[in-house]
């Protein structure tokens, strides 16, 4: 049986500070049957030149160009061109362990044809590739929609390996970018896959997820609103048999509105702050109270950022199975069992 071709799709916008390391980590994969598609999303720096240098040294690397249109358009551009059996999205500031694709393919082969996506664990890293904070290690498999709504256990777009026909069928939603709320395209893509398909896990820390000062993930206001919009888009696609999922989405949106209220109040926007509190309680009282309790815990703990933590060892030097701290889901066993039962797991 021939080795499957994996299409690595890398959207890149002004990524010259990190793209070289990203491409090197892909080229060093132990699974060699790759096409490496870098979609330059209208960059004005040296992004294209870096890709061309890698392409000159490795024929698997290919530069694609488009006018600046956001990460979803760039990923869709890559999917449209790709020739692989599987799609492996990767952000231009993240890196992979050399065995990432090989291990995911091994899991995919044993998971069955109804498995759409294999994810792995990730470590947060700084610009120097050093581990920052404690890494999560969830192993959630099978039907996962309810658990993924409640908690984005994959948590980034550089981790999944997806069957190509399903990746193309779902695609990435450009409406978040066009509404000025880019940020949750990968999460929405995964949730839509989870509506109909099973997930599996390659239980190892195989992705280095870079925490970049000033990056999109640090812009809290837009990210909260992006989550709310993504949940709303998903809710509109649910049928009458999925009332539990719709109720859980309402709970999550209510919690996010409390978080958004705190964000606005801290910036002196009393009208938006109080308005979001009211909207949260009108939507789901349980979610609103949950959000208020979470905000009180944050106030007691003080402000926190992974980027402020002292860096640990290099991602490249850590064994992929080795934990780097004590991690908890921060969810009760009873709640996790309930969600798993709703998923039918």
C-alpha atoms as a PDB file:
ATOM      1  CA  UNK A   1       0.000   0.000   0.000  1.00  0.00           C
ATOM      2  CA  UNK A   2       1.503   3.361  -1.031  1.00  0.00           C
ATOM      3  CA  UNK A   3       2.353   5.853   1.680  1.00  0.00           C
ATOM      4  CA  UNK A   4      -0.381   8.534   1.877  1.00  0.00           C
ATOM      5  CA  UNK A   5       0.369  12.035   0.696  1.00  0.00           C
ATOM      6  CA  UNK A   6      -0.198  14.705   3.334  1.00  0.00           C
ATOM      7  CA  UNK A   7      -0.816  18.300   2.265  1.00  0.00           C
ATOM      8  CA  UNK A   8       0.601  20.751   4.802  1.00  0.00           C
ATOM      9  CA  UNK A   9      -1.198  24.089   4.432  1.00  0.00           C
ATOM     10  CA  UNK A  10       0.481  27.149   5.950  1.00  0.00           C
ATOM     11  CA  UNK A  11      -1.219  30.561   5.725  1.00  0.00           C
ATOM     12  CA  UNK A  12       1.417  33.249   6.137  1.00  0.00           C
ATOM     13  CA  UNK A  13       1.003  36.994   6.587  1.00  0.00           C
ATOM     14  CA  UNK A  14       4.174  38.953   7.401  1.00  0.00           C
ATOM     15  CA  UNK A  15       5.588  35.834   9.049  1.00  0.00           C
ATOM     16  CA  UNK A  16       9.286  36.391   8.377  1.00  0.00           C
ATOM     17  CA  UNK A  17      10.250  36.218  12.073  1.00  0.00           C
ATOM     18  CA  UNK A  18       9.040  32.650  12.535  1.00  0.00           C
ATOM     19  CA  UNK A  19       8.395  31.038   9.153  1.00  0.00           C
ATOM     20  CA  UNK A  20      11.900  29.665   8.676  1.00  0.00           C
ATOM     21  CA  UNK A  21      11.652  27.551  11.841  1.00  0.00           C
ATOM     22  CA  UNK A  22       8.107  26.477  10.917  1.00  0.00           C
ATOM     23  CA  UNK A  23       9.152  25.242   7.476  1.00  0.00           C
ATOM     24  CA  UNK A  24      12.242  23.519   8.825  1.00  0.00           C
ATOM     25  CA  UNK A  25      10.103  21.575  11.308  1.00  0.00           C
ATOM     26  CA  UNK A  26       7.867  20.386   8.461  1.00  0.00           C
ATOM     27  CA  UNK A  27      10.730  19.433   6.172  1.00  0.00           C
ATOM     28  CA  UNK A  28      12.211  17.314   9.005  1.00  0.00           C
ATOM     29  CA  UNK A  29       9.093  15.156   9.378  1.00  0.00           C
ATOM     30  CA  UNK A  30       9.811  11.433   9.459  1.00  0.00           C
ATOM     31  CA  UNK A  31       6.837  10.927   7.134  1.00  0.00           C
ATOM     32  CA  UNK A  32       8.363  12.084   3.870  1.00  0.00           C
ATOM     33  CA  UNK A  33       5.336  12.007   1.548  1.00  0.00           C
ATOM     34  CA  UNK A  34       4.381  15.659   1.942  1.00  0.00           C
ATOM     35  CA  UNK A  35       3.439  18.622  -0.157  1.00  0.00           C
ATOM     36  CA  UNK A  36       4.085  21.849   1.717  1.00  0.00           C
ATOM     37  CA  UNK A  37       1.827  24.666   0.520  1.00  0.00           C
ATOM     38  CA  UNK A  38       2.555  28.120   1.919  1.00  0.00           C
ATOM     39  CA  UNK A  39      -0.213  30.608   1.107  1.00  0.00           C
ATOM     40  CA  UNK A  40       1.238  34.124   1.239  1.00  0.00           C
ATOM     41  CA  UNK A  41      -1.740  36.226   2.337  1.00  0.00           C
ATOM     42  CA  UNK A  42      -0.562  39.541   0.891  1.00  0.00           C
ATOM     43  CA  UNK A  43       2.602  39.868   2.970  1.00  0.00           C
ATOM     44  CA  UNK A  44       4.753  42.997   2.739  1.00  0.00           C
ATOM     45  CA  UNK A  45       7.865  41.563   4.436  1.00  0.00           C
ATOM     46  CA  UNK A  46      10.301  38.778   3.453  1.00  0.00           C
ATOM     47  CA  UNK A  47       7.747  35.954   3.767  1.00  0.00           C
ATOM     48  CA  UNK A  48       7.775  35.057   0.059  1.00  0.00           C
ATOM     49  CA  UNK A  49      11.569  35.092  -0.109  1.00  0.00           C
ATOM     50  CA  UNK A  50      11.846  32.681   2.827  1.00  0.00           C
ATOM     51  CA  UNK A  51       9.431  30.272   1.138  1.00  0.00           C
ATOM     52  CA  UNK A  52      11.328  30.498  -2.133  1.00  0.00           C
ATOM     53  CA  UNK A  53      14.617  29.660  -0.398  1.00  0.00           C
ATOM     54  CA  UNK A  54      13.055  26.567   1.163  1.00  0.00           C
ATOM     55  CA  UNK A  55      11.470  25.617  -2.168  1.00  0.00           C
ATOM     56  CA  UNK A  56      14.906  25.825  -3.819  1.00  0.00           C
ATOM     57  CA  UNK A  57      16.252  23.315  -1.302  1.00  0.00           C
ATOM     58  CA  UNK A  58      13.181  21.057  -1.098  1.00  0.00           C
ATOM     59  CA  UNK A  59      10.886  20.412  -4.043  1.00  0.00           C
ATOM     60  CA  UNK A  60       7.988  19.602  -1.734  1.00  0.00           C
ATOM     61  CA  UNK A  61       7.676  23.283  -0.770  1.00  0.00           C
ATOM     62  CA  UNK A  62       5.455  25.485  -2.929  1.00  0.00           C
ATOM     63  CA  UNK A  63       4.583  29.173  -2.678  1.00  0.00           C
ATOM     64  CA  UNK A  64       0.990  30.253  -3.359  1.00  0.00           C
ATOM     65  CA  UNK A  65      -0.065  33.899  -3.342  1.00  0.00           C
ATOM     66  CA  UNK A  66      -3.294  35.767  -2.732  1.00  0.00           C
ATOM     67  CA  UNK A  67      -4.392  39.272  -1.878  1.00  0.00           C
ATOM     68  CA  UNK A  68      -4.770  39.740   1.862  1.00  0.00           C
ATOM     69  CA  UNK A  69      -8.036  38.048   2.788  1.00  0.00           C
ATOM     70  CA  UNK A  70      -7.498  36.383   6.138  1.00  0.00           C
ATOM     71  CA  UNK A  71      -6.573  32.958   7.417  1.00  0.00           C
ATOM     72  CA  UNK A  72      -9.792  31.206   6.313  1.00  0.00           C
ATOM     73  CA  UNK A  73      -9.377  32.277   2.669  1.00  0.00           C
ATOM     74  CA  UNK A  74      -5.732  31.246   2.788  1.00  0.00           C
ATOM     75  CA  UNK A  75      -6.547  27.806   4.202  1.00  0.00           C
ATOM     76  CA  UNK A  76      -9.331  27.334   1.617  1.00  0.00           C
ATOM     77  CA  UNK A  77      -6.926  28.372  -1.154  1.00  0.00           C
ATOM     78  CA  UNK A  78      -4.526  25.687  -0.015  1.00  0.00           C
ATOM     79  CA  UNK A  79      -7.276  23.068   0.240  1.00  0.00           C
ATOM     80  CA  UNK A  80      -8.397  23.848  -3.319  1.00  0.00           C
ATOM     81  CA  UNK A  81      -4.880  23.308  -4.684  1.00  0.00           C
ATOM     82  CA  UNK A  82      -3.878  20.369  -2.491  1.00  0.00           C
ATOM     83  CA  UNK A  83      -3.373  16.893  -3.932  1.00  0.00           C
ATOM     84  CA  UNK A  84      -3.003  15.003  -0.652  1.00  0.00           C
ATOM     85  CA  UNK A  85      -5.058  12.299   0.992  1.00  0.00           C
ATOM     86  CA  UNK A  86      -4.939  14.265   4.261  1.00  0.00           C
ATOM     87  CA  UNK A  87      -4.764  17.934   5.178  1.00  0.00           C
ATOM     88  CA  UNK A  88      -2.465  19.158   7.940  1.00  0.00           C
ATOM     89  CA  UNK A  89      -3.017  22.871   8.679  1.00  0.00           C
ATOM     90  CA  UNK A  90      -0.137  24.717  10.311  1.00  0.00           C
ATOM     91  CA  UNK A  91       0.206  28.348  11.394  1.00  0.00           C
ATOM     92  CA  UNK A  92       3.307  30.170  10.217  1.00  0.00           C
ATOM     93  CA  UNK A  93       4.575  30.747  13.761  1.00  0.00           C
ATOM     94  CA  UNK A  94       4.169  27.194  15.106  1.00  0.00           C
ATOM     95  CA  UNK A  95       6.432  24.145  14.872  1.00  0.00           C
ATOM     96  CA  UNK A  96       6.083  20.362  14.863  1.00  0.00           C
ATOM     97  CA  UNK A  97       7.937  17.466  16.466  1.00  0.00           C
ATOM     98  CA  UNK A  98       9.581  15.397  13.679  1.00  0.00           C
ATOM     99  CA  UNK A  99       7.265  12.415  14.286  1.00  0.00           C
ATOM    100  CA  UNK A 100       3.987  14.389  14.340  1.00  0.00           C
ATOM    101  CA  UNK A 101       2.555  13.318  10.996  1.00  0.00           C
ATOM    102  CA  UNK A 102       3.871   9.752  11.260  1.00  0.00           C
ATOM    103  CA  UNK A 103       2.206   9.238  14.639  1.00  0.00           C
ATOM    104  CA  UNK A 104      -1.077  10.790  13.548  1.00  0.00           C
ATOM    105  CA  UNK A 105      -1.255   8.632  10.430  1.00  0.00           C
ATOM    106  CA  UNK A 106      -0.700   5.520  12.550  1.00  0.00           C
ATOM    107  CA  UNK A 107      -3.658   6.513  14.754  1.00  0.00           C
ATOM    108  CA  UNK A 108      -5.807   7.365  11.733  1.00  0.00           C
ATOM    109  CA  UNK A 109      -5.174   3.938  10.213  1.00  0.00           C
ATOM    110  CA  UNK A 110      -6.442   2.157  13.328  1.00  0.00           C
ATOM    111  CA  UNK A 111      -9.293   4.568  14.101  1.00  0.00           C
ATOM    112  CA  UNK A 112     -11.470   3.526  11.153  1.00  0.00           C
ATOM    113  CA  UNK A 113     -12.965   5.245   8.141  1.00  0.00           C
ATOM    114  CA  UNK A 114     -15.486   7.175  10.255  1.00  0.00           C
ATOM    115  CA  UNK A 115     -12.674   9.076  11.983  1.00  0.00           C
ATOM    116  CA  UNK A 116     -12.338  12.506  10.378  1.00  0.00           C
ATOM    117  CA  UNK A 117      -9.623  14.067  12.499  1.00  0.00           C
ATOM    118  CA  UNK A 118      -6.656  13.071  14.639  1.00  0.00           C
ATOM    119  CA  UNK A 119      -5.279  15.666  17.036  1.00  0.00           C
ATOM    120  CA  UNK A 120      -2.294  15.631  19.364  1.00  0.00           C
ATOM    121  CA  UNK A 121      -1.230  17.626  22.406  1.00  0.00           C
ATOM    122  CA  UNK A 122       0.716  20.884  22.200  1.00  0.00           C
ATOM    123  CA  UNK A 123       3.146  22.904  24.247  1.00  0.00           C
ATOM    124  CA  UNK A 124       3.095  26.707  24.395  1.00  0.00           C
ATOM    125  CA  UNK A 125       6.468  28.098  23.350  1.00  0.00           C
ATOM    126  CA  UNK A 126       8.054  31.546  23.178  1.00  0.00           C
ATOM    127  CA  UNK A 127       9.860  33.156  20.252  1.00  0.00           C
ATOM    128  CA  UNK A 128      13.001  31.199  21.126  1.00  0.00           C
ATOM    129  CA  UNK A 129      11.147  27.871  21.096  1.00  0.00           C
ATOM    130  CA  UNK A 130      11.249  27.465  24.889  1.00  0.00           C
ATOM    131  CA  UNK A 131       8.252  25.948  26.696  1.00  0.00           C
ATOM    132  CA  UNK A 132       6.045  28.415  28.557  1.00  0.00           C
ATOM    133  CA  UNK A 133       3.503  27.263  31.141  1.00  0.00           C
ATOM    134  CA  UNK A 134       1.993  23.832  31.702  1.00  0.00           C
ATOM    135  CA  UNK A 135       0.758  21.769  28.768  1.00  0.00           C
ATOM    136  CA  UNK A 136      -2.680  20.157  28.669  1.00  0.00           C
ATOM    137  CA  UNK A 137      -3.036  16.465  27.855  1.00  0.00           C
ATOM    138  CA  UNK A 138      -6.709  15.693  27.107  1.00  0.00           C
ATOM    139  CA  UNK A 139      -7.548  12.374  25.485  1.00  0.00           C
ATOM    140  CA  UNK A 140     -11.085  12.843  24.188  1.00  0.00           C
ATOM    141  CA  UNK A 141     -12.070  10.535  21.353  1.00  0.00           C
ATOM    142  CA  UNK A 142     -15.059   9.221  19.432  1.00  0.00           C
ATOM    143  CA  UNK A 143     -18.078  11.492  19.150  1.00  0.00           C
ATOM    144  CA  UNK A 144     -16.869  14.690  20.773  1.00  0.00           C
ATOM    145  CA  UNK A 145     -19.241  17.517  19.814  1.00  0.00           C
ATOM    146  CA  UNK A 146     -20.600  18.310  23.290  1.00  0.00           C
ATOM    147  CA  UNK A 147     -17.192  18.169  24.927  1.00  0.00           C
ATOM    148  CA  UNK A 148     -15.657  20.296  22.169  1.00  0.00           C
ATOM    149  CA  UNK A 149     -18.417  22.912  22.529  1.00  0.00           C
ATOM    150  CA  UNK A 150     -17.889  23.031  26.276  1.00  0.00           C
ATOM    151  CA  UNK A 151     -14.121  23.166  26.011  1.00  0.00           C
ATOM    152  CA  UNK A 152     -11.896  23.626  22.975  1.00  0.00           C
ATOM    153  CA  UNK A 153      -9.686  20.702  23.929  1.00  0.00           C
ATOM    154  CA  UNK A 154      -7.690  20.895  20.654  1.00  0.00           C
ATOM    155  CA  UNK A 155      -7.060  24.608  21.259  1.00  0.00           C
ATOM    156  CA  UNK A 156      -5.149  25.539  18.101  1.00  0.00           C
ATOM    157  CA  UNK A 157      -5.206  25.119  14.351  1.00  0.00           C
ATOM    158  CA  UNK A 158      -1.716  23.620  13.934  1.00  0.00           C
ATOM    159  CA  UNK A 159      -2.532  20.270  15.506  1.00  0.00           C
ATOM    160  CA  UNK A 160      -5.208  18.358  13.493  1.00  0.00           C
ATOM    161  CA  UNK A 161      -4.686  15.876  10.686  1.00  0.00           C
ATOM    162  CA  UNK A 162      -7.924  15.697   8.649  1.00  0.00           C
ATOM    163  CA  UNK A 163      -9.147  13.482   5.827  1.00  0.00           C
ATOM    164  CA  UNK A 164      -8.918  15.679   2.740  1.00  0.00           C
ATOM    165  CA  UNK A 165     -12.441  15.121   1.299  1.00  0.00           C
ATOM    166  CA  UNK A 166     -13.983  16.075   4.648  1.00  0.00           C
ATOM    167  CA  UNK A 167     -11.691  19.077   5.083  1.00  0.00           C
ATOM    168  CA  UNK A 168     -12.739  20.387   1.669  1.00  0.00           C
ATOM    169  CA  UNK A 169     -16.406  19.637   2.329  1.00  0.00           C
ATOM    170  CA  UNK A 170     -16.428  21.653   5.568  1.00  0.00           C
ATOM    171  CA  UNK A 171     -13.910  24.346   4.639  1.00  0.00           C
ATOM    172  CA  UNK A 172     -13.014  27.411   6.687  1.00  0.00           C
ATOM    173  CA  UNK A 173     -15.611  30.117   7.276  1.00  0.00           C
ATOM    174  CA  UNK A 174     -14.602  33.509   5.850  1.00  0.00           C
ATOM    175  CA  UNK A 175     -17.485  35.360   7.531  1.00  0.00           C
ATOM    176  CA  UNK A 176     -15.580  35.755  10.807  1.00  0.00           C
ATOM    177  CA  UNK A 177     -12.819  37.691   9.055  1.00  0.00           C
ATOM    178  CA  UNK A 178     -15.289  39.712   7.030  1.00  0.00           C
ATOM    179  CA  UNK A 179     -17.093  40.732  10.226  1.00  0.00           C
ATOM    180  CA  UNK A 180     -13.804  41.888  11.731  1.00  0.00           C
ATOM    181  CA  UNK A 181     -13.794  38.923  14.124  1.00  0.00           C
ATOM    182  CA  UNK A 182     -11.010  36.691  12.820  1.00  0.00           C
ATOM    183  CA  UNK A 183      -9.765  34.234  15.404  1.00  0.00           C
ATOM    184  CA  UNK A 184     -12.030  31.174  15.734  1.00  0.00           C
ATOM    185  CA  UNK A 185     -11.908  29.873  12.156  1.00  0.00           C
ATOM    186  CA  UNK A 186     -10.038  26.721  13.188  1.00  0.00           C
ATOM    187  CA  UNK A 187     -12.321  26.035  16.147  1.00  0.00           C
ATOM    188  CA  UNK A 188     -15.473  26.449  14.021  1.00  0.00           C
ATOM    189  CA  UNK A 189     -13.984  24.146  11.370  1.00  0.00           C
ATOM    190  CA  UNK A 190     -13.370  21.488  14.027  1.00  0.00           C
ATOM    191  CA  UNK A 191     -16.841  21.876  15.553  1.00  0.00           C
ATOM    192  CA  UNK A 192     -18.470  21.432  12.149  1.00  0.00           C
ATOM    193  CA  UNK A 193     -16.468  18.250  11.599  1.00  0.00           C
ATOM    194  CA  UNK A 194     -17.528  17.042  15.049  1.00  0.00           C
ATOM    195  CA  UNK A 195     -21.198  17.437  14.109  1.00  0.00           C
ATOM    196  CA  UNK A 196     -21.040  14.308  11.978  1.00  0.00           C
ATOM    197  CA  UNK A 197     -17.718  12.559  12.482  1.00  0.00           C
ATOM    198  CA  UNK A 198     -15.489  10.941  15.088  1.00  0.00           C
ATOM    199  CA  UNK A 199     -12.150  12.256  16.379  1.00  0.00           C
ATOM    200  CA  UNK A 200      -9.085  10.387  17.645  1.00  0.00           C
ATOM    201  CA  UNK A 201      -5.994  11.392  19.601  1.00  0.00           C
ATOM    202  CA  UNK A 202      -2.273  10.797  19.158  1.00  0.00           C
ATOM    203  CA  UNK A 203      -1.380  11.201  22.859  1.00  0.00           C
ATOM    204  CA  UNK A 204       1.900  13.112  22.729  1.00  0.00           C
ATOM    205  CA  UNK A 205       3.105  16.733  22.734  1.00  0.00           C
ATOM    206  CA  UNK A 206       3.834  17.045  19.016  1.00  0.00           C
ATOM    207  CA  UNK A 207       2.995  20.717  18.322  1.00  0.00           C
ATOM    208  CA  UNK A 208       4.789  23.822  19.520  1.00  0.00           C
ATOM    209  CA  UNK A 209       2.175  26.598  19.736  1.00  0.00           C
ATOM    210  CA  UNK A 210       3.994  29.905  19.751  1.00  0.00           C
ATOM    211  CA  UNK A 211       2.900  32.698  22.087  1.00  0.00           C
ATOM    212  CA  UNK A 212       3.802  35.854  20.162  1.00  0.00           C
ATOM    213  CA  UNK A 213       3.531  39.266  21.894  1.00  0.00           C
ATOM    214  CA  UNK A 214       0.756  41.242  20.201  1.00  0.00           C
ATOM    215  CA  UNK A 215      -0.575  38.186  18.347  1.00  0.00           C
ATOM    216  CA  UNK A 216      -4.266  37.758  17.566  1.00  0.00           C
ATOM    217  CA  UNK A 217      -4.783  35.356  20.458  1.00  0.00           C
ATOM    218  CA  UNK A 218      -3.751  38.148  22.854  1.00  0.00           C
ATOM    219  CA  UNK A 219      -6.470  40.537  21.640  1.00  0.00           C
ATOM    220  CA  UNK A 220      -9.062  39.477  24.151  1.00  0.00           C
ATOM    221  CA  UNK A 221     -12.006  41.631  23.053  1.00  0.00           C
ATOM    222  CA  UNK A 222     -11.977  40.412  19.469  1.00  0.00           C
ATOM    223  CA  UNK A 223     -11.324  36.802  20.443  1.00  0.00           C
ATOM    224  CA  UNK A 224     -14.293  36.726  22.827  1.00  0.00           C
ATOM    225  CA  UNK A 225     -16.573  38.138  20.151  1.00  0.00           C
ATOM    226  CA  UNK A 226     -15.126  35.710  17.604  1.00  0.00           C
ATOM    227  CA  UNK A 227     -16.057  32.812  19.896  1.00  0.00           C
ATOM    228  CA  UNK A 228     -19.592  34.167  20.284  1.00  0.00           C
ATOM    229  CA  UNK A 229     -20.009  34.475  16.508  1.00  0.00           C
ATOM    230  CA  UNK A 230     -18.591  30.982  15.885  1.00  0.00           C
ATOM    231  CA  UNK A 231     -20.982  29.439  18.415  1.00  0.00           C
ATOM    232  CA  UNK A 232     -23.898  31.343  16.867  1.00  0.00           C
ATOM    233  CA  UNK A 233     -23.029  30.089  13.383  1.00  0.00           C
ATOM    234  CA  UNK A 234     -22.835  26.514  14.668  1.00  0.00           C
ATOM    235  CA  UNK A 235     -26.141  26.805  16.536  1.00  0.00           C
ATOM    236  CA  UNK A 236     -27.892  27.824  13.309  1.00  0.00           C
ATOM    237  CA  UNK A 237     -26.846  24.488  11.764  1.00  0.00           C
ATOM    238  CA  UNK A 238     -28.237  22.252  14.521  1.00  0.00           C
ATOM    239  CA  UNK A 239     -31.445  20.314  13.948  1.00  0.00           C
ATOM    240  CA  UNK A 240     -34.315  19.619  16.365  1.00  0.00           C
ATOM    241  CA  UNK A 241     -32.610  16.495  17.698  1.00  0.00           C
ATOM    242  CA  UNK A 242     -29.668  18.539  18.985  1.00  0.00           C
ATOM    243  CA  UNK A 243     -31.378  20.641  21.637  1.00  0.00           C
ATOM    244  CA  UNK A 244     -28.761  19.661  24.229  1.00  0.00           C
ATOM    245  CA  UNK A 245     -26.013  21.052  22.008  1.00  0.00           C
ATOM    246  CA  UNK A 246     -27.981  24.271  21.455  1.00  0.00           C
ATOM    247  CA  UNK A 247     -28.488  24.652  25.215  1.00  0.00           C
ATOM    248  CA  UNK A 248     -24.777  24.126  25.836  1.00  0.00           C
ATOM    249  CA  UNK A 249     -23.949  26.758  23.209  1.00  0.00           C
ATOM    250  CA  UNK A 250     -26.269  29.215  24.973  1.00  0.00           C
ATOM    251  CA  UNK A 251     -24.490  28.464  28.246  1.00  0.00           C
ATOM    252  CA  UNK A 252     -21.076  29.061  26.672  1.00  0.00           C
ATOM    253  CA  UNK A 253     -22.197  32.327  25.020  1.00  0.00           C
ATOM    254  CA  UNK A 254     -23.626  33.572  28.333  1.00  0.00           C
ATOM    255  CA  UNK A 255     -20.307  32.832  30.039  1.00  0.00           C
ATOM    256  CA  UNK A 256     -18.433  34.635  27.260  1.00  0.00           C
ATOM    257  CA  UNK A 257     -20.704  37.670  27.563  1.00  0.00           C
ATOM    258  CA  UNK A 258     -19.761  37.980  31.228  1.00  0.00           C
ATOM    259  CA  UNK A 259     -16.108  37.830  30.185  1.00  0.00           C
ATOM    260  CA  UNK A 260     -16.802  40.462  27.535  1.00  0.00           C
ATOM    261  CA  UNK A 261     -18.546  42.632  30.152  1.00  0.00           C
ATOM    262  CA  UNK A 262     -15.441  42.544  32.355  1.00  0.00           C
ATOM    263  CA  UNK A 263     -13.286  43.430  29.349  1.00  0.00           C
ATOM    264  CA  UNK A 264     -15.472  46.444  28.527  1.00  0.00           C
ATOM    265  CA  UNK A 265     -15.809  47.619  32.126  1.00  0.00           C
ATOM    266  CA  UNK A 266     -12.042  47.559  32.579  1.00  0.00           C
ATOM    267  CA  UNK A 267     -11.839  49.974  29.666  1.00  0.00           C
ATOM    268  CA  UNK A 268     -14.484  52.290  31.096  1.00  0.00           C
ATOM    269  CA  UNK A 269     -17.290  51.293  28.717  1.00  0.00           C
ATOM    270  CA  UNK A 270     -20.129  51.070  31.235  1.00  0.00           C
ATOM    271  CA  UNK A 271     -22.924  50.755  28.644  1.00  0.00           C
ATOM    272  CA  UNK A 272     -21.347  47.807  26.817  1.00  0.00           C
ATOM    273  CA  UNK A 273     -20.274  46.198  30.073  1.00  0.00           C
ATOM    274  CA  UNK A 274     -23.683  46.237  31.729  1.00  0.00           C
ATOM    275  CA  UNK A 275     -25.402  45.438  28.441  1.00  0.00           C
ATOM    276  CA  UNK A 276     -23.448  42.213  28.118  1.00  0.00           C
ATOM    277  CA  UNK A 277     -24.280  41.230  31.703  1.00  0.00           C
ATOM    278  CA  UNK A 278     -28.004  41.660  30.966  1.00  0.00           C
ATOM    279  CA  UNK A 279     -27.738  39.712  27.707  1.00  0.00           C
ATOM    280  CA  UNK A 280     -25.892  36.901  29.486  1.00  0.00           C
ATOM    281  CA  UNK A 281     -28.600  36.462  32.143  1.00  0.00           C
ATOM    282  CA  UNK A 282     -31.407  36.665  29.587  1.00  0.00           C
ATOM    283  CA  UNK A 283     -29.769  33.955  27.494  1.00  0.00           C
ATOM    284  CA  UNK A 284     -28.774  31.459  30.184  1.00  0.00           C
ATOM    285  CA  UNK A 285     -28.736  32.187  33.916  1.00  0.00           C
ATOM    286  CA  UNK A 286     -26.570  29.183  34.744  1.00  0.00           C
ATOM    287  CA  UNK A 287     -23.921  30.216  32.221  1.00  0.00           C
ATOM    288  CA  UNK A 288     -24.040  33.817  33.433  1.00  0.00           C
ATOM    289  CA  UNK A 289     -23.477  32.783  37.063  1.00  0.00           C
ATOM    290  CA  UNK A 290     -20.690  30.466  35.949  1.00  0.00           C
ATOM    291  CA  UNK A 291     -19.081  33.378  34.145  1.00  0.00           C
ATOM    292  CA  UNK A 292     -19.374  35.644  37.182  1.00  0.00           C
ATOM    293  CA  UNK A 293     -17.753  33.034  39.414  1.00  0.00           C
ATOM    294  CA  UNK A 294     -14.919  32.651  36.895  1.00  0.00           C
ATOM    295  CA  UNK A 295     -14.362  36.427  36.829  1.00  0.00           C
ATOM    296  CA  UNK A 296     -14.242  36.540  40.625  1.00  0.00           C
ATOM    297  CA  UNK A 297     -11.602  33.798  40.619  1.00  0.00           C
ATOM    298  CA  UNK A 298      -9.570  35.821  38.102  1.00  0.00           C
ATOM    299  CA  UNK A 299      -9.809  38.920  40.267  1.00  0.00           C
ATOM    300  CA  UNK A 300      -8.565  37.013  43.300  1.00  0.00           C
ATOM    301  CA  UNK A 301      -5.744  35.404  41.318  1.00  0.00           C
ATOM    302  CA  UNK A 302      -4.716  38.636  39.572  1.00  0.00           C
ATOM    303  CA  UNK A 303      -3.840  39.085  35.903  1.00  0.00           C
ATOM    304  CA  UNK A 304      -2.034  36.207  34.221  1.00  0.00           C
ATOM    305  CA  UNK A 305      -0.334  35.662  30.894  1.00  0.00           C
ATOM    306  CA  UNK A 306       1.642  32.652  29.706  1.00  0.00           C
ATOM    307  CA  UNK A 307       4.007  35.088  28.021  1.00  0.00           C
ATOM    308  CA  UNK A 308       4.933  36.497  31.466  1.00  0.00           C
ATOM    309  CA  UNK A 309       6.079  33.117  32.822  1.00  0.00           C
ATOM    310  CA  UNK A 310       9.722  32.159  33.054  1.00  0.00           C
ATOM    311  CA  UNK A 311      10.548  29.960  30.046  1.00  0.00           C
ATOM    312  CA  UNK A 312      11.402  26.322  30.524  1.00  0.00           C
ATOM    313  CA  UNK A 313      13.409  23.909  28.368  1.00  0.00           C
ATOM    314  CA  UNK A 314      13.410  23.944  24.591  1.00  0.00           C
ATOM    315  CA  UNK A 315      10.502  22.246  22.811  1.00  0.00           C
ATOM    316  CA  UNK A 316      13.021  20.326  20.708  1.00  0.00           C
ATOM    317  CA  UNK A 317      14.729  18.837  23.786  1.00  0.00           C
ATOM    318  CA  UNK A 318      11.594  17.551  25.535  1.00  0.00           C
ATOM    319  CA  UNK A 319      10.449  14.011  24.914  1.00  0.00           C
ATOM    320  CA  UNK A 320       6.986  14.151  23.292  1.00  0.00           C
ATOM    321  CA  UNK A 321       5.347  12.069  26.050  1.00  0.00           C
ATOM    322  CA  UNK A 322       6.939  13.958  28.968  1.00  0.00           C
ATOM    323  CA  UNK A 323       4.579  16.223  30.957  1.00  0.00           C
ATOM    324  CA  UNK A 324       5.897  19.652  31.927  1.00  0.00           C
ATOM    325  CA  UNK A 325       3.727  20.271  34.987  1.00  0.00           C
ATOM    326  CA  UNK A 326       0.521  19.324  36.757  1.00  0.00           C
ATOM    327  CA  UNK A 327      -2.540  19.927  34.594  1.00  0.00           C
ATOM    328  CA  UNK A 328      -6.288  19.794  35.311  1.00  0.00           C
ATOM    329  CA  UNK A 329      -9.370  20.186  33.126  1.00  0.00           C
ATOM    330  CA  UNK A 330     -10.924  22.443  35.827  1.00  0.00           C
ATOM    331  CA  UNK A 331     -14.139  20.533  35.287  1.00  0.00           C
ATOM    332  CA  UNK A 332     -15.782  18.128  37.677  1.00  0.00           C
ATOM    333  CA  UNK A 333     -15.688  14.417  36.898  1.00  0.00           C
ATOM    334  CA  UNK A 334     -19.492  14.427  37.067  1.00  0.00           C
ATOM    335  CA  UNK A 335     -19.740  17.133  34.392  1.00  0.00           C
ATOM    336  CA  UNK A 336     -17.245  15.394  32.115  1.00  0.00           C
ATOM    337  CA  UNK A 337     -19.133  12.106  32.453  1.00  0.00           C
ATOM    338  CA  UNK A 338     -22.389  13.881  31.566  1.00  0.00           C
ATOM    339  CA  UNK A 339     -20.877  15.443  28.452  1.00  0.00           C
ATOM    340  CA  UNK A 340     -19.381  12.115  27.374  1.00  0.00           C
ATOM    341  CA  UNK A 341     -22.790  10.464  27.803  1.00  0.00           C
ATOM    342  CA  UNK A 342     -24.426  13.161  25.667  1.00  0.00           C
ATOM    343  CA  UNK A 343     -21.793  12.515  23.010  1.00  0.00           C
ATOM    344  CA  UNK A 344     -22.656   8.814  23.195  1.00  0.00           C
ATOM    345  CA  UNK A 345     -19.121   7.923  24.206  1.00  0.00           C
END
